[in-house]
Amino acid sequence: MDEKSIFLYWLTFSIIGVILTVYDKIAAKSYRRRVRESVLMFFALLGGALPMYITMKTIRHKTLHKKFMIGLPLIMLLQASVIIFLIKKY
């Protein structure tokens, strides 16, 4: 994969993750069907952890959930480690 493909992959899952996070906040306020936490974490793992974390802090959504406030930074560290590994490898 070249840099452009990697960036488009990251951007895609980041946008989807942010949309799901905002939708879940709106659904929580209006008592609509919510997004499962496992789905949110899945999109974080796929690459959306940083923008989702920023969004959650900004809109004050799930900020009391340790799963997200600790889990997302851990996922970011994991993703940064993988990126550093790949850069040093090539």
C-alpha atoms as a PDB file:
ATOM      1  CA  MET A   1       0.000   0.000   0.000  1.00  0.00           C
ATOM      2  CA  ASP A   2       1.230   3.465  -0.799  1.00  0.00           C
ATOM      3  CA  GLU A   3       0.834   6.525   1.442  1.00  0.00           C
ATOM      4  CA  LYS A   4      -2.232   7.790  -0.426  1.00  0.00           C
ATOM      5  CA  SER A   5      -4.073   4.485   0.039  1.00  0.00           C
ATOM      6  CA  ILE A   6      -3.171   4.360   3.719  1.00  0.00           C
ATOM      7  CA  PHE A   7      -4.367   7.929   4.213  1.00  0.00           C
ATOM      8  CA  LEU A   8      -7.663   7.246   2.408  1.00  0.00           C
ATOM      9  CA  TYR A   9      -8.179   4.106   4.518  1.00  0.00           C
ATOM     10  CA  TRP A  10      -7.564   6.072   7.736  1.00  0.00           C
ATOM     11  CA  LEU A  11      -9.746   8.976   6.585  1.00  0.00           C
ATOM     12  CA  THR A  12     -12.629   6.666   5.674  1.00  0.00           C
ATOM     13  CA  PHE A  13     -12.722   4.877   9.020  1.00  0.00           C
ATOM     14  CA  SER A  14     -12.148   8.127  10.884  1.00  0.00           C
ATOM     15  CA  ILE A  15     -15.138   9.787   9.238  1.00  0.00           C
ATOM     16  CA  ILE A  16     -17.349   6.750   9.790  1.00  0.00           C
ATOM     17  CA  GLY A  17     -16.240   6.546  13.433  1.00  0.00           C
ATOM     18  CA  VAL A  18     -17.007  10.220  14.038  1.00  0.00           C
ATOM     19  CA  ILE A  19     -20.405   9.948  12.337  1.00  0.00           C
ATOM     20  CA  LEU A  20     -21.290   6.919  14.473  1.00  0.00           C
ATOM     21  CA  THR A  21     -20.154   8.710  17.636  1.00  0.00           C
ATOM     22  CA  VAL A  22     -22.218  11.815  16.885  1.00  0.00           C
ATOM     23  CA  TYR A  23     -25.216   9.706  15.866  1.00  0.00           C
ATOM     24  CA  ASP A  24     -24.989   7.745  19.125  1.00  0.00           C
ATOM     25  CA  LYS A  25     -24.962  10.992  21.117  1.00  0.00           C
ATOM     26  CA  ILE A  26     -28.057  12.243  19.253  1.00  0.00           C
ATOM     27  CA  ALA A  27     -29.786   8.868  19.660  1.00  0.00           C
ATOM     28  CA  ALA A  28     -29.036   8.848  23.382  1.00  0.00           C
ATOM     29  CA  LYS A  29     -30.672  12.245  23.826  1.00  0.00           C
ATOM     30  CA  SER A  30     -33.751  11.359  21.782  1.00  0.00           C
ATOM     31  CA  TYR A  31     -34.195   7.785  23.059  1.00  0.00           C
ATOM     32  CA  ARG A  32     -33.594   6.246  19.642  1.00  0.00           C
ATOM     33  CA  ARG A  33     -31.765   3.053  18.804  1.00  0.00           C
ATOM     34  CA  ARG A  34     -28.125   3.389  19.883  1.00  0.00           C
ATOM     35  CA  VAL A  35     -24.891   2.283  18.279  1.00  0.00           C
ATOM     36  CA  ARG A  36     -23.435  -0.720  20.081  1.00  0.00           C
ATOM     37  CA  GLU A  37     -20.267  -0.055  22.027  1.00  0.00           C
ATOM     38  CA  SER A  38     -18.624  -2.976  20.242  1.00  0.00           C
ATOM     39  CA  VAL A  39     -19.291  -1.279  16.894  1.00  0.00           C
ATOM     40  CA  LEU A  40     -17.729   1.954  18.125  1.00  0.00           C
ATOM     41  CA  MET A  41     -14.669   0.087  19.386  1.00  0.00           C
ATOM     42  CA  PHE A  42     -14.434  -1.855  16.113  1.00  0.00           C
ATOM     43  CA  PHE A  43     -14.225   1.359  14.090  1.00  0.00           C
ATOM     44  CA  ALA A  44     -11.692   2.711  16.577  1.00  0.00           C
ATOM     45  CA  LEU A  45      -9.564  -0.391  16.007  1.00  0.00           C
ATOM     46  CA  LEU A  46      -9.852  -0.016  12.249  1.00  0.00           C
ATOM     47  CA  GLY A  47      -8.264   3.425  12.455  1.00  0.00           C
ATOM     48  CA  GLY A  48     -10.764   5.886  13.870  1.00  0.00           C
ATOM     49  CA  ALA A  49      -9.537   5.972  17.483  1.00  0.00           C
ATOM     50  CA  LEU A  50      -7.988   9.452  17.487  1.00  0.00           C
ATOM     51  CA  PRO A  51     -10.843  11.346  15.786  1.00  0.00           C
ATOM     52  CA  MET A  52     -13.414   9.395  17.810  1.00  0.00           C
ATOM     53  CA  TYR A  53     -11.620  10.248  21.060  1.00  0.00           C
ATOM     54  CA  ILE A  54     -11.466  13.936  20.133  1.00  0.00           C
ATOM     55  CA  THR A  55     -15.140  13.871  19.139  1.00  0.00           C
ATOM     56  CA  MET A  56     -16.198  12.150  22.369  1.00  0.00           C
ATOM     57  CA  LYS A  57     -14.315  14.708  24.448  1.00  0.00           C
ATOM     58  CA  THR A  58     -15.695  17.601  22.395  1.00  0.00           C
ATOM     59  CA  ILE A  59     -19.360  16.560  22.507  1.00  0.00           C
ATOM     60  CA  ARG A  60     -19.036  15.033  25.993  1.00  0.00           C
ATOM     61  CA  HIS A  61     -20.180  11.604  24.948  1.00  0.00           C
ATOM     62  CA  LYS A  62     -19.124   8.455  26.809  1.00  0.00           C
ATOM     63  CA  THR A  63     -16.528  10.439  28.759  1.00  0.00           C
ATOM     64  CA  LEU A  64     -17.469   8.591  31.959  1.00  0.00           C
ATOM     65  CA  HIS A  65     -16.974   5.187  30.304  1.00  0.00           C
ATOM     66  CA  LYS A  66     -13.517   3.836  31.153  1.00  0.00           C
ATOM     67  CA  LYS A  67     -13.789   1.491  28.184  1.00  0.00           C
ATOM     68  CA  PHE A  68     -13.567   4.513  25.894  1.00  0.00           C
ATOM     69  CA  MET A  69     -11.499   7.009  27.870  1.00  0.00           C
ATOM     70  CA  ILE A  70      -8.788   4.412  28.528  1.00  0.00           C
ATOM     71  CA  GLY A  71      -9.423   2.047  25.632  1.00  0.00           C
ATOM     72  CA  LEU A  72      -9.209   4.598  22.818  1.00  0.00           C
ATOM     73  CA  PRO A  73      -5.836   6.024  23.945  1.00  0.00           C
ATOM     74  CA  LEU A  74      -4.526   2.452  24.261  1.00  0.00           C
ATOM     75  CA  ILE A  75      -5.715   1.714  20.733  1.00  0.00           C
ATOM     76  CA  MET A  76      -3.989   4.914  19.562  1.00  0.00           C
ATOM     77  CA  LEU A  77      -0.733   3.762  21.178  1.00  0.00           C
ATOM     78  CA  LEU A  78      -1.070   0.381  19.495  1.00  0.00           C
ATOM     79  CA  GLN A  79      -1.726   1.990  16.127  1.00  0.00           C
ATOM     80  CA  ALA A  80       1.205   4.402  16.557  1.00  0.00           C
ATOM     81  CA  SER A  81       3.453   1.454  17.433  1.00  0.00           C
ATOM     82  CA  VAL A  82       2.393  -0.405  14.295  1.00  0.00           C
ATOM     83  CA  ILE A  83       3.000   2.686  12.156  1.00  0.00           C
ATOM     84  CA  ILE A  84       6.449   3.217  13.669  1.00  0.00           C
ATOM     85  CA  PHE A  85       7.276  -0.457  13.157  1.00  0.00           C
ATOM     86  CA  LEU A  86       6.217  -0.321   9.516  1.00  0.00           C
ATOM     87  CA  ILE A  87       8.153   2.890   8.878  1.00  0.00           C
ATOM     88  CA  LYS A  88      11.337   1.460  10.397  1.00  0.00           C
ATOM     89  CA  LYS A  89      10.883  -1.826   8.549  1.00  0.00           C
ATOM     90  CA  TYR A  90      10.691  -0.137   5.151  1.00  0.00           C
END
